[in-house]
């Protein structure tokens, strides 16, 4: 886990990574928001949940190119 924060406490983020270094969550501790990501076996983002609850799903072809946006 990594953290980023300001000395005046107006910014405070926590970042979590999986064992291969992919960002799996970014949490804004000041505004109480969370971004989460899931990955496939090729380290492609397959799902992303935004702080507003919006969820995106991503598919990839055999060459790891995203096929939907």
PDB file of N, CA and C in Angstrom:
ATOM      1  N   UNK A   1       0.847  -1.166   0.000  1.00  0.00           N
ATOM      2  CA  UNK A   1       0.000   0.000   0.000  1.00  0.00           C
ATOM      3  C   UNK A   1       0.896   1.233   0.000  1.00  0.00           C
ATOM      4  N   UNK A   2       0.471   2.238  -0.746  1.00  0.00           N
ATOM      5  CA  UNK A   2       1.153   3.524  -0.780  1.00  0.00           C
ATOM      6  C   UNK A   2       0.171   4.594  -0.341  1.00  0.00           C
ATOM      7  N   UNK A   3       0.709   5.683   0.163  1.00  0.00           N
ATOM      8  CA  UNK A   3      -0.135   6.795   0.575  1.00  0.00           C
ATOM      9  C   UNK A   3       0.405   8.096   0.022  1.00  0.00           C
ATOM     10  N   UNK A   4      -0.501   9.013  -0.241  1.00  0.00           N
ATOM     11  CA  UNK A   4      -0.169  10.367  -0.652  1.00  0.00           C
ATOM     12  C   UNK A   4      -1.017  11.290   0.198  1.00  0.00           C
ATOM     13  N   UNK A   5      -0.388  12.237   0.871  1.00  0.00           N
ATOM     14  CA  UNK A   5      -1.160  13.159   1.691  1.00  0.00           C
ATOM     15  C   UNK A   5      -0.447  14.494   1.779  1.00  0.00           C
ATOM     16  N   UNK A   6      -1.217  15.524   2.092  1.00  0.00           N
ATOM     17  CA  UNK A   6      -0.667  16.868   2.239  1.00  0.00           C
ATOM     18  C   UNK A   6      -0.490  17.185   3.715  1.00  0.00           C
ATOM     19  N   UNK A   7       0.386  18.116   3.995  1.00  0.00           N
ATOM     20  CA  UNK A   7       0.655  18.482   5.388  1.00  0.00           C
ATOM     21  C   UNK A   7      -0.537  19.176   6.040  1.00  0.00           C
ATOM     22  N   UNK A   8      -1.419  19.780   5.227  1.00  0.00           N
ATOM     23  CA  UNK A   8      -2.586  20.455   5.803  1.00  0.00           C
ATOM     24  C   UNK A   8      -3.835  19.565   5.835  1.00  0.00           C
ATOM     25  N   UNK A   9      -3.678  18.298   5.517  1.00  0.00           N
ATOM     26  CA  UNK A   9      -4.750  17.290   5.578  1.00  0.00           C
ATOM     27  C   UNK A   9      -5.881  17.501   4.576  1.00  0.00           C
ATOM     28  N   UNK A  10      -5.656  18.286   3.521  1.00  0.00           N
ATOM     29  CA  UNK A  10      -6.694  18.456   2.505  1.00  0.00           C
ATOM     30  C   UNK A  10      -6.632  17.368   1.442  1.00  0.00           C
ATOM     31  N   UNK A  11      -5.536  16.613   1.417  1.00  0.00           N
ATOM     32  CA  UNK A  11      -5.351  15.520   0.465  1.00  0.00           C
ATOM     33  C   UNK A  11      -4.850  14.301   1.223  1.00  0.00           C
ATOM     34  N   UNK A  12      -5.506  13.156   1.024  1.00  0.00           N
ATOM     35  CA  UNK A  12      -5.034  11.913   1.635  1.00  0.00           C
ATOM     36  C   UNK A  12      -5.577  10.738   0.828  1.00  0.00           C
ATOM     37  N   UNK A  13      -4.699  10.116   0.088  1.00  0.00           N
ATOM     38  CA  UNK A  13      -5.054   8.969  -0.743  1.00  0.00           C
ATOM     39  C   UNK A  13      -4.302   7.735  -0.278  1.00  0.00           C
ATOM     40  N   UNK A  14      -4.949   6.584  -0.388  1.00  0.00           N
ATOM     41  CA  UNK A  14      -4.294   5.296  -0.189  1.00  0.00           C
ATOM     42  C   UNK A  14      -4.422   4.506  -1.484  1.00  0.00           C
ATOM     43  N   UNK A  15      -3.309   3.936  -1.919  1.00  0.00           N
ATOM     44  CA  UNK A  15      -3.269   3.143  -3.142  1.00  0.00           C
ATOM     45  C   UNK A  15      -2.899   1.716  -2.785  1.00  0.00           C
ATOM     46  N   UNK A  16      -3.638   0.748  -3.335  1.00  0.00           N
ATOM     47  CA  UNK A  16      -3.336  -0.669  -3.112  1.00  0.00           C
ATOM     48  C   UNK A  16      -3.040  -1.318  -4.461  1.00  0.00           C
ATOM     49  N   UNK A  17      -2.065  -2.211  -4.444  1.00  0.00           N
ATOM     50  CA  UNK A  17      -1.601  -2.874  -5.660  1.00  0.00           C
ATOM     51  C   UNK A  17      -1.627  -4.382  -5.478  1.00  0.00           C
ATOM     52  N   UNK A  18      -1.819  -5.107  -6.571  1.00  0.00           N
ATOM     53  CA  UNK A  18      -1.734  -6.562  -6.511  1.00  0.00           C
ATOM     54  C   UNK A  18      -0.261  -6.974  -6.556  1.00  0.00           C
ATOM     55  N   UNK A  19       0.041  -8.260  -6.421  1.00  0.00           N
ATOM     56  CA  UNK A  19       1.440  -8.709  -6.364  1.00  0.00           C
ATOM     57  C   UNK A  19       2.285  -8.359  -7.592  1.00  0.00           C
ATOM     58  N   UNK A  20       1.655  -8.115  -8.745  1.00  0.00           N
ATOM     59  CA  UNK A  20       2.445  -7.768  -9.936  1.00  0.00           C
ATOM     60  C   UNK A  20       2.478  -6.266 -10.201  1.00  0.00           C
ATOM     61  N   UNK A  21       1.900  -5.476  -9.309  1.00  0.00           N
ATOM     62  CA  UNK A  21       1.995  -4.023  -9.417  1.00  0.00           C
ATOM     63  C   UNK A  21       0.816  -3.311 -10.041  1.00  0.00           C
ATOM     64  N   UNK A  22      -0.271  -4.025 -10.313  1.00  0.00           N
ATOM     65  CA  UNK A  22      -1.474  -3.384 -10.851  1.00  0.00           C
ATOM     66  C   UNK A  22      -2.219  -2.660  -9.738  1.00  0.00           C
ATOM     67  N   UNK A  23      -2.670  -1.452 -10.017  1.00  0.00           N
ATOM     68  CA  UNK A  23      -3.467  -0.697  -9.056  1.00  0.00           C
ATOM     69  C   UNK A  23      -4.823  -1.376  -8.892  1.00  0.00           C
ATOM     70  N   UNK A  24      -5.153  -1.801  -7.676  1.00  0.00           N
ATOM     71  CA  UNK A  24      -6.454  -2.439  -7.458  1.00  0.00           C
ATOM     72  C   UNK A  24      -7.437  -1.513  -6.738  1.00  0.00           C
ATOM     73  N   UNK A  25      -6.928  -0.500  -6.027  1.00  0.00           N
ATOM     74  CA  UNK A  25      -7.838   0.475  -5.434  1.00  0.00           C
ATOM     75  C   UNK A  25      -7.108   1.778  -5.141  1.00  0.00           C
ATOM     76  N   UNK A  26      -7.882   2.835  -5.249  1.00  0.00           N
ATOM     77  CA  UNK A  26      -7.417   4.177  -4.920  1.00  0.00           C
ATOM     78  C   UNK A  26      -8.499   4.795  -4.056  1.00  0.00           C
ATOM     79  N   UNK A  27      -8.158   5.081  -2.823  1.00  0.00           N
ATOM     80  CA  UNK A  27      -9.154   5.594  -1.887  1.00  0.00           C
ATOM     81  C   UNK A  27      -8.801   7.015  -1.473  1.00  0.00           C
ATOM     82  N   UNK A  28      -9.767   7.915  -1.636  1.00  0.00           N
ATOM     83  CA  UNK A  28      -9.635   9.297  -1.181  1.00  0.00           C
ATOM     84  C   UNK A  28     -10.206   9.335   0.235  1.00  0.00           C
ATOM     85  N   UNK A  29      -9.336   9.412   1.211  1.00  0.00           N
ATOM     86  CA  UNK A  29      -9.778   9.339   2.603  1.00  0.00           C
ATOM     87  C   UNK A  29     -10.402  10.635   3.090  1.00  0.00           C
ATOM     88  N   UNK A  30     -10.137  11.744   2.422  1.00  0.00           N
ATOM     89  CA  UNK A  30     -10.744  13.021   2.796  1.00  0.00           C
ATOM     90  C   UNK A  30     -12.199  13.064   2.331  1.00  0.00           C
ATOM     91  N   UNK A  31     -12.425  12.716   1.074  1.00  0.00           N
ATOM     92  CA  UNK A  31     -13.773  12.771   0.499  1.00  0.00           C
ATOM     93  C   UNK A  31     -14.525  11.447   0.572  1.00  0.00           C
ATOM     94  N   UNK A  32     -13.890  10.422   1.155  1.00  0.00           N
ATOM     95  CA  UNK A  32     -14.516   9.110   1.336  1.00  0.00           C
ATOM     96  C   UNK A  32     -15.000   8.517   0.013  1.00  0.00           C
ATOM     97  N   UNK A  33     -14.109   8.481  -0.988  1.00  0.00           N
ATOM     98  CA  UNK A  33     -14.437   7.875  -2.277  1.00  0.00           C
ATOM     99  C   UNK A  33     -13.452   6.757  -2.581  1.00  0.00           C
ATOM    100  N   UNK A  34     -13.896   5.805  -3.400  1.00  0.00           N
ATOM    101  CA  UNK A  34     -13.090   4.629  -3.694  1.00  0.00           C
ATOM    102  C   UNK A  34     -13.207   4.263  -5.168  1.00  0.00           C
ATOM    103  N   UNK A  35     -12.075   4.035  -5.808  1.00  0.00           N
ATOM    104  CA  UNK A  35     -12.011   3.493  -7.162  1.00  0.00           C
ATOM    105  C   UNK A  35     -11.420   2.099  -7.037  1.00  0.00           C
ATOM    106  N   UNK A  36     -12.038   1.108  -7.699  1.00  0.00           N
ATOM    107  CA  UNK A  36     -11.538  -0.269  -7.638  1.00  0.00           C
ATOM    108  C   UNK A  36     -11.386  -0.829  -9.044  1.00  0.00           C
ATOM    109  N   UNK A  37     -10.371  -1.678  -9.220  1.00  0.00           N
ATOM    110  CA  UNK A  37     -10.125  -2.314 -10.513  1.00  0.00           C
ATOM    111  C   UNK A  37      -9.889  -3.803 -10.343  1.00  0.00           C
ATOM    112  N   UNK A  38     -10.302  -4.566 -11.367  1.00  0.00           N
ATOM    113  CA  UNK A  38     -10.008  -5.995 -11.444  1.00  0.00           C
ATOM    114  C   UNK A  38      -9.276  -6.249 -12.754  1.00  0.00           C
ATOM    115  N   UNK A  39      -8.431  -7.280 -12.757  1.00  0.00           N
ATOM    116  CA  UNK A  39      -7.578  -7.580 -13.903  1.00  0.00           C
ATOM    117  C   UNK A  39      -7.715  -9.040 -14.310  1.00  0.00           C
ATOM    118  N   UNK A  40      -7.427  -9.315 -15.585  1.00  0.00           N
ATOM    119  CA  UNK A  40      -7.380 -10.698 -16.048  1.00  0.00           C
ATOM    120  C   UNK A  40      -5.957 -11.239 -15.911  1.00  0.00           C
ATOM    121  N   UNK A  41      -5.748 -12.470 -16.369  1.00  0.00           N
ATOM    122  CA  UNK A  41      -4.437 -13.117 -16.225  1.00  0.00           C
ATOM    123  C   UNK A  41      -3.348 -12.446 -17.057  1.00  0.00           C
ATOM    124  N   UNK A  42      -3.741 -11.560 -17.993  1.00  0.00           N
ATOM    125  CA  UNK A  42      -2.763 -10.821 -18.801  1.00  0.00           C
ATOM    126  C   UNK A  42      -2.567  -9.389 -18.297  1.00  0.00           C
ATOM    127  N   UNK A  43      -3.064  -9.120 -17.098  1.00  0.00           N
ATOM    128  CA  UNK A  43      -2.952  -7.807 -16.453  1.00  0.00           C
ATOM    129  C   UNK A  43      -3.732  -6.713 -17.167  1.00  0.00           C
ATOM    130  N   UNK A  44      -4.767  -7.092 -17.891  1.00  0.00           N
ATOM    131  CA  UNK A  44      -5.673  -6.133 -18.513  1.00  0.00           C
ATOM    132  C   UNK A  44      -6.785  -5.798 -17.525  1.00  0.00           C
ATOM    133  N   UNK A  45      -7.166  -4.541 -17.453  1.00  0.00           N
ATOM    134  CA  UNK A  45      -8.285  -4.151 -16.593  1.00  0.00           C
ATOM    135  C   UNK A  45      -9.565  -4.749 -17.169  1.00  0.00           C
ATOM    136  N   UNK A  46     -10.278  -5.526 -16.366  1.00  0.00           N
ATOM    137  CA  UNK A  46     -11.530  -6.127 -16.823  1.00  0.00           C
ATOM    138  C   UNK A  46     -12.756  -5.453 -16.213  1.00  0.00           C
ATOM    139  N   UNK A  47     -12.581  -4.844 -15.052  1.00  0.00           N
ATOM    140  CA  UNK A  47     -13.689  -4.155 -14.399  1.00  0.00           C
ATOM    141  C   UNK A  47     -13.137  -2.958 -13.640  1.00  0.00           C
ATOM    142  N   UNK A  48     -13.880  -1.858 -13.719  1.00  0.00           N
ATOM    143  CA  UNK A  48     -13.502  -0.668 -12.964  1.00  0.00           C
ATOM    144  C   UNK A  48     -14.758  -0.076 -12.346  1.00  0.00           C
ATOM    145  N   UNK A  49     -14.732   0.103 -11.033  1.00  0.00           N
ATOM    146  CA  UNK A  49     -15.831   0.726 -10.304  1.00  0.00           C
ATOM    147  C   UNK A  49     -15.373   2.112  -9.872  1.00  0.00           C
ATOM    148  N   UNK A  50     -16.096   3.124 -10.332  1.00  0.00           N
ATOM    149  CA  UNK A  50     -15.762   4.504 -10.011  1.00  0.00           C
ATOM    150  C   UNK A  50     -16.411   4.918  -8.697  1.00  0.00           C
ATOM    151  N   UNK A  51     -15.930   5.994  -8.095  1.00  0.00           N
ATOM    152  CA  UNK A  51     -16.498   6.437  -6.819  1.00  0.00           C
ATOM    153  C   UNK A  51     -17.997   6.721  -6.869  1.00  0.00           C
ATOM    154  N   UNK A  52     -18.521   7.098  -8.023  1.00  0.00           N
ATOM    155  CA  UNK A  52     -19.954   7.391  -8.130  1.00  0.00           C
ATOM    156  C   UNK A  52     -20.808   6.137  -8.309  1.00  0.00           C
ATOM    157  N   UNK A  53     -20.164   4.960  -8.287  1.00  0.00           N
ATOM    158  CA  UNK A  53     -20.880   3.705  -8.429  1.00  0.00           C
ATOM    159  C   UNK A  53     -20.934   3.175  -9.847  1.00  0.00           C
ATOM    160  N   UNK A  54     -20.529   3.986 -10.810  1.00  0.00           N
ATOM    161  CA  UNK A  54     -20.527   3.546 -12.206  1.00  0.00           C
ATOM    162  C   UNK A  54     -19.515   2.426 -12.375  1.00  0.00           C
ATOM    163  N   UNK A  55     -19.914   1.378 -13.064  1.00  0.00           N
ATOM    164  CA  UNK A  55     -19.049   0.217 -13.268  1.00  0.00           C
ATOM    165  C   UNK A  55     -18.854  -0.027 -14.755  1.00  0.00           C
ATOM    166  N   UNK A  56     -17.602  -0.164 -15.172  1.00  0.00           N
ATOM    167  CA  UNK A  56     -17.265  -0.455 -16.564  1.00  0.00           C
ATOM    168  C   UNK A  56     -16.651  -1.837 -16.651  1.00  0.00           C
ATOM    169  N   UNK A  57     -16.958  -2.540 -17.736  1.00  0.00           N
ATOM    170  CA  UNK A  57     -16.390  -3.858 -18.008  1.00  0.00           C
ATOM    171  C   UNK A  57     -15.641  -3.773 -19.332  1.00  0.00           C
ATOM    172  N   UNK A  58     -14.479  -4.398 -19.401  1.00  0.00           N
ATOM    173  CA  UNK A  58     -13.645  -4.323 -20.589  1.00  0.00           C
ATOM    174  C   UNK A  58     -13.316  -5.723 -21.093  1.00  0.00           C
ATOM    175  N   UNK A  59     -13.335  -5.866 -22.408  1.00  0.00           N
ATOM    176  CA  UNK A  59     -12.979  -7.119 -23.068  1.00  0.00           C
ATOM    177  C   UNK A  59     -11.767  -6.871 -23.953  1.00  0.00           C
ATOM    178  N   UNK A  60     -11.027  -7.945 -24.220  1.00  0.00           N
ATOM    179  CA  UNK A  60      -9.788  -7.844 -24.997  1.00  0.00           C
ATOM    180  C   UNK A  60      -9.724  -8.956 -26.026  1.00  0.00           C
ATOM    181  N   UNK A  61      -9.039  -8.666 -27.132  1.00  0.00           N
ATOM    182  CA  UNK A  61      -8.838  -9.704 -28.141  1.00  0.00           C
ATOM    183  C   UNK A  61      -7.593 -10.522 -27.796  1.00  0.00           C
ATOM    184  N   UNK A  62      -7.224 -11.440 -28.668  1.00  0.00           N
ATOM    185  CA  UNK A  62      -6.099 -12.345 -28.388  1.00  0.00           C
ATOM    186  C   UNK A  62      -4.751 -11.632 -28.331  1.00  0.00           C
ATOM    187  N   UNK A  63      -4.708 -10.372 -28.786  1.00  0.00           N
ATOM    188  CA  UNK A  63      -3.465  -9.602 -28.725  1.00  0.00           C
ATOM    189  C   UNK A  63      -3.518  -8.545 -27.620  1.00  0.00           C
ATOM    190  N   UNK A  64      -4.437  -8.729 -26.681  1.00  0.00           N
ATOM    191  CA  UNK A  64      -4.599  -7.850 -25.524  1.00  0.00           C
ATOM    192  C   UNK A  64      -4.981  -6.423 -25.891  1.00  0.00           C
ATOM    193  N   UNK A  65      -5.704  -6.269 -27.002  1.00  0.00           N
ATOM    194  CA  UNK A  65      -6.224  -4.958 -27.379  1.00  0.00           C
ATOM    195  C   UNK A  65      -7.660  -4.867 -26.897  1.00  0.00           C
ATOM    196  N   UNK A  66      -7.974  -3.771 -26.240  1.00  0.00           N
ATOM    197  CA  UNK A  66      -9.329  -3.604 -25.732  1.00  0.00           C
ATOM    198  C   UNK A  66     -10.302  -3.526 -26.897  1.00  0.00           C
ATOM    199  N   UNK A  67     -11.408  -4.264 -26.783  1.00  0.00           N
ATOM    200  CA  UNK A  67     -12.378  -4.342 -27.876  1.00  0.00           C
ATOM    201  C   UNK A  67     -13.657  -3.568 -27.599  1.00  0.00           C
ATOM    202  N   UNK A  68     -13.797  -3.012 -26.411  1.00  0.00           N
ATOM    203  CA  UNK A  68     -14.962  -2.178 -26.103  1.00  0.00           C
ATOM    204  C   UNK A  68     -14.519  -0.984 -25.266  1.00  0.00           C
ATOM    205  N   UNK A  69     -15.286   0.092 -25.365  1.00  0.00           N
ATOM    206  CA  UNK A  69     -14.944   1.333 -24.644  1.00  0.00           C
ATOM    207  C   UNK A  69     -16.150   1.913 -23.971  1.00  0.00           C
TER     208      UNK A  69
END
